[in-house]
């Protein structure tokens, strides 16, 4: 089955923003996906793009295709952005698989009950 990197619409009515996801090509636009690799908000001026290029490269190396829009965004991200798109760094915790909870923060030293 073909795997594509494409946009997944999220947000409220008339206020869209998008997650850049890796999904099976047969799945619907907002359906099940394999991994989130970025975020795109076209409503800000300039538009905000956060993208994990190393994860995109890994999926492309495994045979994933890019949608036309994502291919354009990846090109702009590799150039460092332009006047219409501002590139922001993607935190390491952002590229996770669905259903996988984010890692809880490590407890502070000396916090909590002491074990006897």
N, C-alpha and C. Protein backbone atom coordinates (compact mmCIF):
# COMPACT_ATOMS: atom_id res chain seq x y z
N UNK A 1 0.83 -1.17 0.00
CA UNK A 1 0.00 0.00 0.00
C UNK A 1 0.88 1.25 0.00
N UNK A 2 0.42 2.28 -0.64
CA UNK A 2 1.19 3.51 -0.79
C UNK A 2 1.08 4.41 0.44
N UNK A 3 2.19 4.94 0.86
CA UNK A 3 2.23 5.86 2.00
C UNK A 3 2.54 7.25 1.48
N UNK A 4 1.81 8.25 1.97
CA UNK A 4 1.99 9.63 1.54
C UNK A 4 2.22 10.53 2.75
N UNK A 5 2.98 11.58 2.53
CA UNK A 5 3.12 12.64 3.53
C UNK A 5 2.23 13.77 3.05
N UNK A 6 1.24 14.12 3.87
CA UNK A 6 0.25 15.10 3.43
C UNK A 6 -0.26 15.90 4.62
N UNK A 7 -1.14 16.87 4.33
CA UNK A 7 -1.70 17.73 5.36
C UNK A 7 -2.97 17.11 5.94
N UNK A 8 -3.14 17.27 7.24
CA UNK A 8 -4.35 16.83 7.94
C UNK A 8 -4.96 18.07 8.58
N UNK A 9 -6.20 18.40 8.21
CA UNK A 9 -6.82 19.63 8.69
C UNK A 9 -7.31 19.46 10.12
N UNK A 10 -6.95 20.42 10.96
CA UNK A 10 -7.45 20.49 12.33
C UNK A 10 -7.83 21.94 12.59
N UNK A 11 -8.47 22.20 13.70
CA UNK A 11 -8.89 23.56 14.01
C UNK A 11 -10.39 23.70 13.92
N UNK A 12 -10.86 24.88 14.19
CA UNK A 12 -12.29 25.13 14.20
C UNK A 12 -12.80 25.52 12.83
N UNK A 13 -14.10 25.65 12.73
CA UNK A 13 -14.74 26.07 11.49
C UNK A 13 -14.21 27.45 11.08
N UNK A 14 -13.79 27.56 9.84
CA UNK A 14 -13.25 28.80 9.26
C UNK A 14 -11.91 29.23 9.87
N UNK A 15 -11.30 28.37 10.70
CA UNK A 15 -10.01 28.68 11.31
C UNK A 15 -9.08 27.47 11.21
N UNK A 16 -8.72 27.09 9.99
CA UNK A 16 -7.94 25.86 9.84
C UNK A 16 -6.47 26.05 10.15
N UNK A 17 -5.88 25.00 10.65
CA UNK A 17 -4.43 24.83 10.63
C UNK A 17 -4.21 23.37 10.34
N UNK A 18 -3.01 22.99 10.02
CA UNK A 18 -2.76 21.66 9.50
C UNK A 18 -1.62 20.98 10.22
N UNK A 19 -1.72 19.65 10.36
CA UNK A 19 -0.61 18.83 10.80
C UNK A 19 -0.06 18.14 9.56
N UNK A 20 1.25 18.05 9.47
CA UNK A 20 1.88 17.32 8.38
C UNK A 20 2.03 15.89 8.89
N UNK A 21 1.33 14.94 8.24
CA UNK A 21 1.30 13.57 8.73
C UNK A 21 1.71 12.59 7.64
N UNK A 22 2.13 11.41 8.09
CA UNK A 22 2.41 10.29 7.20
C UNK A 22 1.20 9.37 7.30
N UNK A 23 0.54 9.10 6.16
CA UNK A 23 -0.69 8.30 6.18
C UNK A 23 -0.75 7.40 4.95
N UNK A 24 -1.52 6.33 5.08
CA UNK A 24 -1.80 5.47 3.93
C UNK A 24 -2.60 6.30 2.93
N UNK A 25 -2.34 6.12 1.65
CA UNK A 25 -3.01 6.94 0.65
C UNK A 25 -4.51 6.68 0.58
N UNK A 26 -4.96 5.50 1.01
CA UNK A 26 -6.39 5.18 0.97
C UNK A 26 -7.18 5.82 2.11
N UNK A 27 -6.51 6.21 3.18
CA UNK A 27 -7.20 6.80 4.32
C UNK A 27 -7.72 8.20 3.97
N UNK A 28 -8.85 8.62 4.57
CA UNK A 28 -9.37 9.97 4.32
C UNK A 28 -8.43 11.04 4.86
N UNK A 29 -8.64 12.27 4.41
CA UNK A 29 -7.77 13.39 4.77
C UNK A 29 -7.56 13.52 6.26
N UNK A 30 -8.64 13.42 7.03
CA UNK A 30 -8.54 13.58 8.48
C UNK A 30 -8.62 12.25 9.22
N UNK A 31 -8.34 11.16 8.52
CA UNK A 31 -8.44 9.83 9.11
C UNK A 31 -7.17 9.40 9.82
N UNK A 32 -7.02 8.08 9.94
CA UNK A 32 -5.90 7.48 10.64
C UNK A 32 -4.57 7.84 9.96
N UNK A 33 -3.54 8.02 10.77
CA UNK A 33 -2.22 8.33 10.24
C UNK A 33 -1.16 7.56 11.01
N UNK A 34 0.04 7.49 10.44
CA UNK A 34 1.12 6.72 11.04
C UNK A 34 1.98 7.57 11.98
N UNK A 35 2.27 8.81 11.58
CA UNK A 35 3.15 9.66 12.37
C UNK A 35 2.91 11.12 12.01
N UNK A 36 3.03 11.99 13.00
CA UNK A 36 2.99 13.44 12.77
C UNK A 36 4.43 13.92 12.61
N UNK A 37 4.72 14.62 11.51
CA UNK A 37 6.08 15.10 11.28
C UNK A 37 6.18 16.62 11.23
N UNK A 38 5.05 17.31 11.41
CA UNK A 38 5.12 18.77 11.38
C UNK A 38 3.78 19.44 11.61
N UNK A 39 3.79 20.76 11.49
CA UNK A 39 2.65 21.61 11.76
C UNK A 39 2.71 22.79 10.81
N UNK A 40 1.55 23.22 10.28
CA UNK A 40 1.49 24.35 9.35
C UNK A 40 0.28 25.20 9.67
N UNK A 41 0.49 26.49 9.94
CA UNK A 41 -0.59 27.42 10.21
C UNK A 41 -0.56 28.53 9.16
N UNK A 42 -1.43 28.45 8.14
CA UNK A 42 -1.41 29.46 7.07
C UNK A 42 -2.10 30.76 7.46
N UNK A 43 -2.75 30.83 8.62
CA UNK A 43 -3.53 32.01 9.00
C UNK A 43 -2.67 33.13 9.58
N UNK A 44 -1.47 32.83 10.04
CA UNK A 44 -0.61 33.87 10.58
C UNK A 44 0.13 34.56 9.44
N UNK A 45 0.60 35.76 9.68
CA UNK A 45 1.37 36.50 8.67
C UNK A 45 2.76 36.76 9.22
N UNK A 46 3.80 36.17 8.71
CA UNK A 46 3.84 35.11 7.70
C UNK A 46 3.36 33.78 8.28
N UNK A 47 3.00 32.87 7.39
CA UNK A 47 2.51 31.55 7.80
C UNK A 47 3.59 30.83 8.61
N UNK A 48 3.16 30.08 9.62
CA UNK A 48 4.10 29.36 10.50
C UNK A 48 4.24 27.92 10.03
N UNK A 49 5.47 27.45 9.91
CA UNK A 49 5.75 26.07 9.52
C UNK A 49 6.76 25.48 10.48
N UNK A 50 6.40 24.37 11.10
CA UNK A 50 7.33 23.59 11.94
C UNK A 50 7.38 22.21 11.33
N UNK A 51 8.57 21.78 10.94
CA UNK A 51 8.70 20.53 10.20
C UNK A 51 9.96 19.79 10.63
N UNK A 52 9.84 18.49 10.85
CA UNK A 52 10.98 17.64 11.19
C UNK A 52 11.53 17.07 9.89
N UNK A 53 12.50 17.76 9.30
CA UNK A 53 13.03 17.35 8.00
C UNK A 53 13.72 15.99 8.07
N UNK A 54 14.33 15.64 9.21
CA UNK A 54 14.97 14.33 9.30
C UNK A 54 13.94 13.20 9.24
N UNK A 55 12.76 13.39 9.86
CA UNK A 55 11.70 12.38 9.77
C UNK A 55 11.11 12.32 8.37
N UNK A 56 10.97 13.47 7.71
CA UNK A 56 10.48 13.49 6.33
C UNK A 56 11.44 12.72 5.45
N UNK A 57 12.74 12.98 5.60
CA UNK A 57 13.75 12.28 4.80
C UNK A 57 13.72 10.77 5.06
N UNK A 58 13.52 10.38 6.33
CA UNK A 58 13.47 8.96 6.65
C UNK A 58 12.28 8.29 5.96
N UNK A 59 11.12 8.94 5.97
CA UNK A 59 9.95 8.35 5.32
C UNK A 59 10.09 8.33 3.80
N UNK A 60 10.69 9.37 3.23
CA UNK A 60 10.90 9.38 1.77
C UNK A 60 11.88 8.27 1.38
N UNK A 61 12.89 8.03 2.22
CA UNK A 61 13.85 6.95 1.95
C UNK A 61 13.16 5.59 1.98
N UNK A 62 12.10 5.46 2.77
CA UNK A 62 11.35 4.20 2.83
C UNK A 62 10.29 4.10 1.74
N UNK A 63 10.17 5.12 0.88
CA UNK A 63 9.27 5.05 -0.25
C UNK A 63 8.02 5.89 -0.16
N UNK A 64 7.89 6.72 0.85
CA UNK A 64 6.71 7.58 0.98
C UNK A 64 6.75 8.69 -0.06
N UNK A 65 5.59 9.02 -0.59
CA UNK A 65 5.48 10.12 -1.53
C UNK A 65 5.03 11.38 -0.82
N UNK A 66 5.26 12.53 -1.43
CA UNK A 66 4.84 13.81 -0.87
C UNK A 66 3.67 14.34 -1.68
N UNK A 67 2.67 14.91 -1.00
CA UNK A 67 1.62 15.59 -1.74
C UNK A 67 2.22 16.86 -2.35
N UNK A 68 1.55 17.45 -3.31
CA UNK A 68 2.09 18.64 -3.97
C UNK A 68 2.32 19.78 -2.97
N UNK A 69 1.36 19.98 -2.08
CA UNK A 69 1.47 21.07 -1.10
C UNK A 69 2.61 20.80 -0.13
N UNK A 70 2.73 19.58 0.36
CA UNK A 70 3.81 19.26 1.31
C UNK A 70 5.16 19.36 0.61
N UNK A 71 5.24 18.96 -0.65
CA UNK A 71 6.50 19.08 -1.39
C UNK A 71 6.93 20.54 -1.46
N UNK A 72 5.98 21.44 -1.69
CA UNK A 72 6.27 22.87 -1.73
C UNK A 72 6.73 23.37 -0.36
N UNK A 73 6.07 22.94 0.70
CA UNK A 73 6.45 23.35 2.05
C UNK A 73 7.83 22.83 2.43
N UNK A 74 8.15 21.60 2.04
CA UNK A 74 9.47 21.03 2.33
C UNK A 74 10.56 21.82 1.60
N UNK A 75 10.30 22.17 0.34
CA UNK A 75 11.28 22.99 -0.41
C UNK A 75 11.53 24.32 0.30
N UNK A 76 10.46 24.97 0.76
CA UNK A 76 10.60 26.25 1.45
C UNK A 76 11.32 26.07 2.79
N UNK A 77 11.05 24.97 3.49
CA UNK A 77 11.72 24.71 4.77
C UNK A 77 13.22 24.49 4.56
N UNK A 78 13.59 23.80 3.49
CA UNK A 78 15.02 23.56 3.21
C UNK A 78 15.74 24.86 2.87
N UNK A 79 15.02 25.83 2.28
CA UNK A 79 15.62 27.13 1.97
C UNK A 79 15.67 28.05 3.18
N UNK A 80 14.99 27.64 4.26
CA UNK A 80 14.98 28.48 5.45
C UNK A 80 13.79 29.43 5.49
N UNK A 81 12.80 29.19 4.65
CA UNK A 81 11.61 30.05 4.63
C UNK A 81 11.74 31.13 3.58
N UNK A 82 10.68 31.91 3.45
CA UNK A 82 10.69 33.05 2.53
C UNK A 82 9.79 34.12 3.12
N UNK A 83 9.37 35.10 2.33
CA UNK A 83 8.58 36.19 2.89
C UNK A 83 7.17 35.76 3.29
N UNK A 84 6.69 34.61 2.77
CA UNK A 84 5.35 34.16 3.09
C UNK A 84 5.32 33.08 4.17
N UNK A 85 6.45 32.44 4.46
CA UNK A 85 6.50 31.35 5.45
C UNK A 85 7.67 31.55 6.40
N UNK A 86 7.37 31.50 7.71
CA UNK A 86 8.40 31.56 8.74
C UNK A 86 8.61 30.15 9.28
N UNK A 87 9.85 29.71 9.33
CA UNK A 87 10.19 28.37 9.81
C UNK A 87 10.50 28.45 11.30
N UNK A 88 9.86 27.58 12.08
CA UNK A 88 10.13 27.48 13.52
C UNK A 88 10.68 26.10 13.81
N UNK A 89 11.55 25.96 14.80
CA UNK A 89 12.07 24.63 15.13
C UNK A 89 10.97 23.76 15.71
N UNK A 90 11.04 22.48 15.41
CA UNK A 90 10.07 21.51 15.90
C UNK A 90 10.64 20.82 17.12
N UNK A 91 9.97 20.90 18.28
CA UNK A 91 10.48 20.20 19.46
C UNK A 91 10.55 18.69 19.21
N UNK A 92 11.47 18.02 19.86
CA UNK A 92 11.67 16.59 19.65
C UNK A 92 10.44 15.78 20.02
N UNK A 93 9.67 16.20 20.99
CA UNK A 93 8.49 15.47 21.43
C UNK A 93 7.35 15.56 20.41
N UNK A 94 7.40 16.50 19.48
CA UNK A 94 6.30 16.72 18.56
C UNK A 94 6.13 15.58 17.57
N UNK A 95 7.19 14.96 17.10
CA UNK A 95 7.10 13.90 16.10
C UNK A 95 6.85 12.57 16.80
N UNK A 96 5.58 12.32 17.13
CA UNK A 96 5.22 11.08 17.81
C UNK A 96 4.17 10.35 17.01
N UNK A 97 3.99 9.10 17.31
CA UNK A 97 2.98 8.31 16.65
C UNK A 97 1.65 8.48 17.37
N UNK A 98 0.52 8.34 16.67
CA UNK A 98 -0.77 8.53 17.32
C UNK A 98 -1.01 7.48 18.40
N UNK A 99 -1.71 7.90 19.45
CA UNK A 99 -2.01 6.99 20.52
C UNK A 99 -0.87 6.78 21.51
N UNK A 100 0.27 7.37 21.22
CA UNK A 100 1.44 7.23 22.08
C UNK A 100 1.52 8.47 22.96
N UNK A 101 1.38 8.34 24.28
CA UNK A 101 1.39 9.53 25.13
C UNK A 101 2.77 10.17 25.18
N UNK A 102 2.78 11.46 25.38
CA UNK A 102 4.05 12.16 25.53
C UNK A 102 4.71 11.71 26.82
N UNK A 103 6.02 11.67 26.81
CA UNK A 103 6.76 11.22 28.00
C UNK A 103 6.55 12.21 29.13
N UNK A 104 6.23 11.74 30.33
CA UNK A 104 6.04 12.66 31.46
C UNK A 104 7.38 13.26 31.87
N UNK A 105 7.36 14.46 32.43
CA UNK A 105 8.62 15.06 32.86
C UNK A 105 9.24 14.25 34.01
N UNK A 106 10.55 14.25 34.07
CA UNK A 106 11.26 13.53 35.11
C UNK A 106 10.99 14.20 36.46
N UNK A 107 10.78 13.42 37.52
CA UNK A 107 10.53 14.04 38.83
C UNK A 107 11.77 14.79 39.31
N UNK A 108 11.53 15.86 40.04
CA UNK A 108 12.63 16.67 40.55
C UNK A 108 13.38 15.89 41.62
N UNK A 109 14.65 16.18 41.77
CA UNK A 109 15.49 15.53 42.76
C UNK A 109 14.98 15.83 44.16
N UNK A 110 14.72 14.81 44.94
CA UNK A 110 14.28 15.01 46.31
C UNK A 110 12.78 15.25 46.44
N UNK A 111 12.04 15.21 45.35
CA UNK A 111 10.60 15.43 45.43
C UNK A 111 9.88 14.13 45.72
N UNK A 112 8.75 14.21 46.39
CA UNK A 112 7.95 13.03 46.66
C UNK A 112 8.37 12.36 47.95
N UNK A 113 7.65 11.31 48.33
CA UNK A 113 7.96 10.61 49.58
C UNK A 113 9.28 9.87 49.47
N UNK A 114 9.99 9.83 50.56
CA UNK A 114 11.28 9.13 50.59
C UNK A 114 11.04 7.64 50.79
N UNK A 115 11.74 6.81 50.05
CA UNK A 115 11.62 5.35 50.18
C UNK A 115 12.49 4.91 51.37
N UNK A 116 11.93 4.09 52.23
CA UNK A 116 12.71 3.64 53.39
C UNK A 116 13.12 2.22 53.25
